[in-house]
Amino acid sequence: MNNEPAESTGEDRGELVDGLRWKKFGVLDDGFVCLVDVMGDDGSVVQAARVSYGAGTRKVSDDRTLIRYLLRHRHTTPFEMAEIKLLVRVPMDCWRQWIRHRTANVNEYSTRYSIAIDASQATPPESWRSQAESNRQGSGELLDEEVGRELSRTEQELLDHSKRVYQERLDVGVAREQARKDLPLSTYTEAYWKVDLHNLLHFLALRMDSHAQQEIRDYATTIGEQIVQPLFPVVWEAFQDYRVSGLFLTRLDREVVVRLMEQAGQAGQVPPFDETMFLEAQHDNWKPLTRCRERDECHDKLAEMGIVEPRGGQ
């Protein structure tokens, strides 16, 4: 199967961009992301890497090889030569995580100058999550839907009450900058967000990850699959191969693999190895620890590669 894209004309590119520009891709119950503008394409990355001002006689296959080399070896500067500007509507609690990525240019809807957007994210009964036991900032399993129905009911009461209080303050003349202070974090805000391709890929790698909060993961996945992928198909393919689906092994991880293979050679065993063998091969720093996240992460990486058996319950 040939994965190399056909070389597109300027007319094709223009039609693609025009088709995406201002198209709202829905996220959550009332959020969206849409493309406002884009500067550059896959060729812009290649051009920057070659410090060249023309396509020359290079083939598309050469361009693809170069892009994959750049991303694989973390040569990031050429990816900074392309930019995307988005308009996003996002709940304020999710936006707090988003805005921590300080490598973008941002202009947000102001509730000092304007009345707050009359929309808040509501949670469906089947979507309430428990607190993760092993991760203080993460979610665990879904709660029972019967419990979720009551949570959604009281949530709606809270949203209705906060909306009513906010409007009452405005009606009696309270300043917008003060009237807004008790609005819930589920209130939607809007912002223009302009970022170069390198920092956008970094954002997506972190926020599409399974450890990210589900809500911002939904936004990141939508941006990546609906906007970045069609605009930068070769970069997206390399990003999927080397960042999203790649594995990073630390020095300690590699030493565990070496010890496992040595033990297996002596015992005449083949992978996947059991928990006992893994614990025998673990790094000395981990052995006295009852709980060790680094050890668990190492185990999960090796299980993904089929070197050890998955942990119980996975």
Protein backbone atom coordinates (compact mmCIF):
# COMPACT_ATOMS: atom_id res chain seq x y z
CA MET A 1 0.00 0.00 0.00
CA ASN A 2 1.39 3.39 -0.99
CA ASN A 3 1.03 5.92 1.84
CA GLU A 4 2.71 8.76 -0.01
CA PRO A 5 0.34 11.63 -0.77
CA ALA A 6 -0.05 12.92 -4.26
CA GLU A 7 1.46 16.33 -4.81
CA SER A 8 -1.38 18.86 -4.62
CA THR A 9 -1.78 22.04 -6.61
CA GLY A 10 -2.32 25.49 -5.15
CA GLU A 11 -5.92 25.31 -6.35
CA ASP A 12 -6.49 22.03 -4.49
CA ARG A 13 -4.98 23.51 -1.35
CA GLY A 14 -7.17 26.58 -1.60
CA GLU A 15 -10.31 24.47 -1.91
CA LEU A 16 -9.27 22.40 1.10
CA VAL A 17 -8.63 25.45 3.28
CA ASP A 18 -11.83 27.17 2.15
CA GLY A 19 -13.80 24.04 2.98
CA LEU A 20 -12.38 23.93 6.51
CA ARG A 21 -12.36 27.64 7.32
CA TRP A 22 -15.14 28.62 9.76
CA LYS A 23 -16.53 25.09 9.76
CA LYS A 24 -17.52 24.35 13.35
CA PHE A 25 -16.64 20.90 14.64
CA GLY A 26 -18.77 20.22 17.68
CA VAL A 27 -17.19 19.17 20.98
CA LEU A 28 -19.04 18.29 24.20
CA ASP A 29 -22.63 19.58 24.33
CA ASP A 30 -22.18 23.17 23.12
CA GLY A 31 -18.48 23.60 22.38
CA PHE A 32 -16.70 23.72 19.05
CA VAL A 33 -13.40 24.29 17.29
CA CYS A 34 -13.05 25.85 13.86
CA LEU A 35 -10.23 26.90 11.59
CA VAL A 36 -9.87 30.65 11.10
CA ASP A 37 -6.65 30.68 9.10
CA VAL A 38 -3.59 28.60 8.28
CA MET A 39 -0.14 29.56 7.09
CA GLY A 40 1.92 26.89 5.40
CA ASP A 41 1.60 23.19 4.65
CA ASP A 42 3.81 20.09 4.64
CA GLY A 43 6.01 21.80 2.05
CA SER A 44 6.65 24.74 4.39
CA VAL A 45 8.31 22.39 6.87
CA VAL A 46 10.48 20.91 4.13
CA GLN A 47 11.38 24.32 2.73
CA ALA A 48 12.44 25.60 6.14
CA ALA A 49 14.55 22.52 6.77
CA ARG A 50 16.38 22.97 3.48
CA VAL A 51 16.67 26.75 3.87
CA SER A 52 15.37 26.96 0.32
CA TYR A 53 12.93 29.19 -1.53
CA GLY A 54 11.61 26.75 -4.08
CA ALA A 55 10.45 23.19 -4.49
CA GLY A 56 13.28 22.48 -6.93
CA THR A 57 13.35 18.96 -8.33
CA ARG A 58 12.69 17.17 -5.06
CA LYS A 59 10.10 14.41 -5.13
CA VAL A 60 7.19 14.05 -2.74
CA SER A 61 8.80 10.87 -1.41
CA ASP A 62 11.92 12.87 -0.51
CA ASP A 63 9.78 15.43 1.31
CA ARG A 64 7.99 12.71 3.27
CA THR A 65 11.30 11.09 4.24
CA LEU A 66 12.67 14.43 5.44
CA ILE A 67 9.58 15.28 7.49
CA ARG A 68 9.67 11.88 9.15
CA TYR A 69 13.38 12.27 9.89
CA LEU A 70 12.83 15.72 11.43
CA LEU A 71 10.04 14.55 13.71
CA ARG A 72 11.76 11.29 14.62
CA HIS A 73 14.94 13.10 15.66
CA ARG A 74 13.14 16.04 17.33
CA HIS A 75 14.39 18.72 14.94
CA THR A 76 11.57 21.09 15.81
CA THR A 77 12.41 24.47 14.27
CA PRO A 78 11.09 23.71 10.74
CA PHE A 79 7.69 22.89 12.22
CA GLU A 80 7.55 26.38 13.73
CA MET A 81 7.31 27.83 10.20
CA ALA A 82 3.67 26.79 9.80
CA GLU A 83 0.83 28.24 11.89
CA ILE A 84 -2.83 27.60 12.57
CA LYS A 85 -5.39 30.02 14.01
CA LEU A 86 -8.51 28.56 15.61
CA LEU A 87 -11.69 29.86 17.15
CA VAL A 88 -12.72 27.66 20.07
CA ARG A 89 -15.67 27.53 22.43
CA VAL A 90 -14.71 25.65 25.58
CA PRO A 91 -15.83 25.39 29.24
CA MET A 92 -13.77 27.54 31.58
CA ASP A 93 -12.46 24.59 33.62
CA CYS A 94 -11.17 22.97 30.45
CA TRP A 95 -9.80 26.31 29.23
CA ARG A 96 -7.72 26.60 32.41
CA GLN A 97 -5.76 23.53 31.32
CA TRP A 98 -5.61 24.70 27.72
CA ILE A 99 -4.21 28.15 28.54
CA ARG A 100 -1.29 26.62 30.44
CA HIS A 101 0.27 25.99 27.03
CA ARG A 102 1.88 29.43 26.90
CA THR A 103 3.39 29.14 23.44
CA ALA A 104 0.30 30.42 21.60
CA ASN A 105 -1.20 33.84 20.92
CA VAL A 106 -4.59 34.17 22.59
CA ASN A 107 -7.46 36.64 22.58
CA GLU A 108 -10.38 35.54 24.77
CA TYR A 109 -13.99 36.67 25.03
CA SER A 110 -14.19 39.23 27.84
CA THR A 111 -16.94 39.05 30.45
CA ARG A 112 -15.88 42.51 31.65
CA TYR A 113 -16.94 44.08 28.36
CA SER A 114 -19.67 41.64 27.36
CA ILE A 115 -22.35 39.55 29.03
CA ALA A 116 -21.18 36.01 29.69
CA ILE A 117 -22.00 33.39 27.07
CA ASP A 118 -25.37 31.90 27.96
CA ALA A 119 -24.23 28.27 27.86
CA SER A 120 -22.72 25.84 30.36
CA GLN A 121 -21.46 22.32 29.90
CA ALA A 122 -23.90 19.80 31.36
CA THR A 123 -22.87 16.24 32.19
CA PRO A 124 -25.07 13.37 30.92
CA PRO A 125 -26.08 10.82 33.60
CA GLU A 126 -23.91 8.13 32.02
CA SER A 127 -20.76 10.31 31.95
CA TRP A 128 -20.00 10.92 35.64
CA ARG A 129 -16.61 9.46 36.56
CA SER A 130 -15.18 8.26 39.87
CA GLN A 131 -11.90 9.51 41.32
CA ALA A 132 -8.95 7.38 40.21
CA GLU A 133 -7.35 5.45 43.06
CA SER A 134 -3.81 5.54 41.67
CA ASN A 135 -3.83 9.07 40.22
CA ARG A 136 -4.87 12.04 42.34
CA GLN A 137 -5.64 14.18 39.31
CA GLY A 138 -7.34 11.57 37.14
CA SER A 139 -10.64 9.76 36.71
CA GLY A 140 -11.50 6.15 37.36
CA GLU A 141 -14.48 4.08 36.29
CA LEU A 142 -17.86 5.49 35.33
CA LEU A 143 -20.35 5.82 38.17
CA ASP A 144 -23.63 3.95 38.14
CA GLU A 145 -26.11 5.67 35.84
CA GLU A 146 -28.73 5.83 38.59
CA VAL A 147 -26.30 7.89 40.67
CA GLY A 148 -25.49 9.91 37.55
CA ARG A 149 -29.13 10.87 37.02
CA GLU A 150 -29.28 12.46 40.45
CA LEU A 151 -25.95 14.22 39.90
CA SER A 152 -27.14 15.59 36.56
CA ARG A 153 -30.39 16.78 38.13
CA THR A 154 -28.65 18.71 40.90
CA GLU A 155 -26.10 20.02 38.41
CA GLN A 156 -28.88 21.52 36.32
CA GLU A 157 -30.38 23.12 39.43
CA LEU A 158 -27.02 24.70 40.20
CA LEU A 159 -26.59 25.97 36.63
CA ASP A 160 -30.09 27.46 36.59
CA HIS A 161 -29.53 29.13 39.97
CA SER A 162 -26.17 30.65 39.02
CA LYS A 163 -27.62 31.93 35.75
CA ARG A 164 -30.55 33.53 37.59
CA VAL A 165 -28.29 35.18 40.20
CA TYR A 166 -25.98 36.53 37.48
CA GLN A 167 -28.90 38.01 35.54
CA GLU A 168 -30.40 39.55 38.70
CA ARG A 169 -27.12 41.31 39.41
CA LEU A 170 -26.99 42.72 35.90
CA ASP A 171 -30.62 43.84 36.13
CA VAL A 172 -29.96 45.96 39.24
CA GLY A 173 -26.89 47.55 37.69
CA VAL A 174 -23.98 45.53 39.11
CA ALA A 175 -20.85 45.92 36.98
CA ARG A 176 -20.29 43.01 34.60
CA GLU A 177 -16.78 42.49 35.97
CA GLN A 178 -18.25 41.88 39.44
CA ALA A 179 -21.51 40.19 38.51
CA ARG A 180 -19.60 37.36 36.84
CA LYS A 181 -17.59 36.24 39.87
CA ASP A 182 -19.89 33.38 40.90
CA LEU A 183 -20.42 31.89 37.45
CA PRO A 184 -19.58 28.16 37.43
CA LEU A 185 -16.45 26.85 35.74
CA SER A 186 -18.70 24.96 33.34
CA THR A 187 -19.61 28.28 31.67
CA TYR A 188 -18.40 28.38 28.08
CA THR A 189 -15.87 30.93 26.90
CA GLU A 190 -14.58 31.63 23.40
CA ALA A 191 -11.10 32.52 22.22
CA TYR A 192 -8.93 32.91 19.18
CA TRP A 193 -5.90 30.64 19.56
CA LYS A 194 -2.96 30.96 17.14
CA VAL A 195 -0.08 28.53 17.44
CA ASP A 196 2.79 27.24 15.32
CA LEU A 197 2.75 23.62 14.20
CA HIS A 198 5.54 22.47 16.52
CA ASN A 199 3.80 23.73 19.65
CA LEU A 200 0.43 22.52 18.39
CA LEU A 201 1.81 18.99 18.04
CA HIS A 202 3.21 19.23 21.57
CA PHE A 203 -0.23 20.31 22.81
CA LEU A 204 -1.89 17.42 20.98
CA ALA A 205 0.63 14.85 22.23
CA LEU A 206 -0.13 15.82 25.83
CA ARG A 207 -3.87 16.42 25.55
CA MET A 208 -4.75 13.46 23.31
CA ASP A 209 -2.99 11.14 25.74
CA SER A 210 -5.13 8.70 27.71
CA HIS A 211 -3.98 10.34 30.96
CA ALA A 212 -5.44 13.73 29.97
CA GLN A 213 -8.87 14.79 31.22
CA GLN A 214 -11.57 13.43 28.92
CA GLU A 215 -13.03 16.84 28.07
CA ILE A 216 -9.81 18.43 26.83
CA ARG A 217 -8.91 15.14 25.15
CA ASP A 218 -12.10 15.49 23.09
CA TYR A 219 -11.00 18.96 21.97
CA ALA A 220 -7.46 17.86 21.14
CA THR A 221 -8.64 14.83 19.20
CA THR A 222 -11.07 16.95 17.18
CA ILE A 223 -8.39 19.52 16.35
CA GLY A 224 -5.95 16.82 15.34
CA GLU A 225 -8.22 14.60 13.29
CA GLN A 226 -10.50 17.20 11.73
CA ILE A 227 -8.09 20.09 11.11
CA VAL A 228 -4.40 19.16 11.40
CA GLN A 229 -4.65 15.83 9.57
CA PRO A 230 -6.15 17.20 6.33
CA LEU A 231 -3.97 20.34 6.35
CA PHE A 232 -0.67 18.58 7.13
CA PRO A 233 -1.16 14.91 6.13
CA VAL A 234 2.53 13.93 6.00
CA VAL A 235 3.33 15.64 9.30
CA TRP A 236 0.27 14.03 10.88
CA GLU A 237 1.31 10.57 9.71
CA ALA A 238 4.78 11.02 11.23
CA PHE A 239 3.27 12.46 14.41
CA GLN A 240 1.06 9.39 14.78
CA ASP A 241 3.96 7.02 14.18
CA TYR A 242 6.57 8.66 16.40
CA ARG A 243 4.71 10.60 19.08
CA VAL A 244 1.22 9.17 19.54
CA SER A 245 2.02 5.50 18.94
CA GLY A 246 5.70 5.58 19.86
CA LEU A 247 7.28 4.43 23.12
CA PHE A 248 10.09 6.13 25.01
CA LEU A 249 12.36 3.82 26.99
CA THR A 250 14.49 5.28 29.78
CA ARG A 251 17.92 3.99 30.74
CA LEU A 252 16.32 2.08 33.60
CA ASP A 253 13.74 0.56 31.27
CA ARG A 254 16.45 -0.65 28.89
CA GLU A 255 18.41 -2.21 31.75
CA VAL A 256 15.30 -4.13 32.82
CA VAL A 257 14.91 -5.47 29.26
CA VAL A 258 18.56 -6.58 29.19
CA ARG A 259 18.22 -8.40 32.53
CA LEU A 260 14.98 -10.04 31.42
CA MET A 261 16.62 -11.35 28.26
CA GLU A 262 19.61 -12.63 30.22
CA GLN A 263 17.32 -14.44 32.66
CA ALA A 264 15.24 -15.84 29.82
CA GLY A 265 18.33 -17.12 28.02
CA GLN A 266 19.51 -18.93 31.11
CA ALA A 267 16.08 -20.43 31.82
CA GLY A 268 15.22 -21.17 28.19
CA GLN A 269 12.07 -19.04 28.34
CA VAL A 270 10.44 -16.85 25.73
CA PRO A 271 8.30 -13.71 26.13
CA PRO A 272 5.89 -12.67 27.40
CA PHE A 273 7.50 -13.10 30.81
CA ASP A 274 5.46 -13.30 34.01
CA GLU A 275 5.30 -10.87 36.92
CA THR A 276 7.86 -12.83 38.95
CA MET A 277 10.53 -12.52 36.26
CA PHE A 278 9.81 -8.82 35.84
CA LEU A 279 10.18 -8.16 39.57
CA GLU A 280 13.46 -10.08 39.62
CA ALA A 281 14.74 -7.93 36.75
CA GLN A 282 13.45 -4.60 38.09
CA HIS A 283 15.87 -1.81 38.92
CA ASP A 284 17.45 -1.92 42.37
CA ASN A 285 16.02 1.51 43.22
CA TRP A 286 12.49 0.14 42.87
CA LYS A 287 12.84 -3.05 44.92
CA PRO A 288 12.28 -1.60 48.42
CA LEU A 289 9.20 0.36 47.28
CA THR A 290 5.72 -1.07 47.82
CA ARG A 291 4.28 1.38 45.31
CA CYS A 292 6.38 2.74 42.48
CA ARG A 293 4.87 4.60 39.53
CA GLU A 294 8.10 4.39 37.52
CA ARG A 295 8.12 0.59 37.90
CA ASP A 296 4.45 0.42 36.86
CA GLU A 297 5.14 2.59 33.82
CA CYS A 298 8.07 0.39 32.82
CA HIS A 299 5.90 -2.71 33.17
CA ASP A 300 3.16 -1.18 31.01
CA LYS A 301 5.64 -0.26 28.26
CA LEU A 302 7.09 -3.76 28.17
CA ALA A 303 3.61 -5.28 28.21
CA GLU A 304 2.65 -3.14 25.23
CA MET A 305 5.64 -4.57 23.35
CA GLY A 306 4.73 -8.12 24.36
CA ILE A 307 7.84 -8.59 26.51
CA VAL A 308 5.96 -9.13 29.78
CA GLU A 309 2.42 -10.17 30.60
CA PRO A 310 -0.05 -7.35 31.30
CA ARG A 311 -0.67 -6.50 34.92
CA GLY A 312 -3.65 -8.16 36.56
CA GLY A 313 -6.99 -6.70 35.51
CA GLN A 314 -5.64 -5.04 32.36
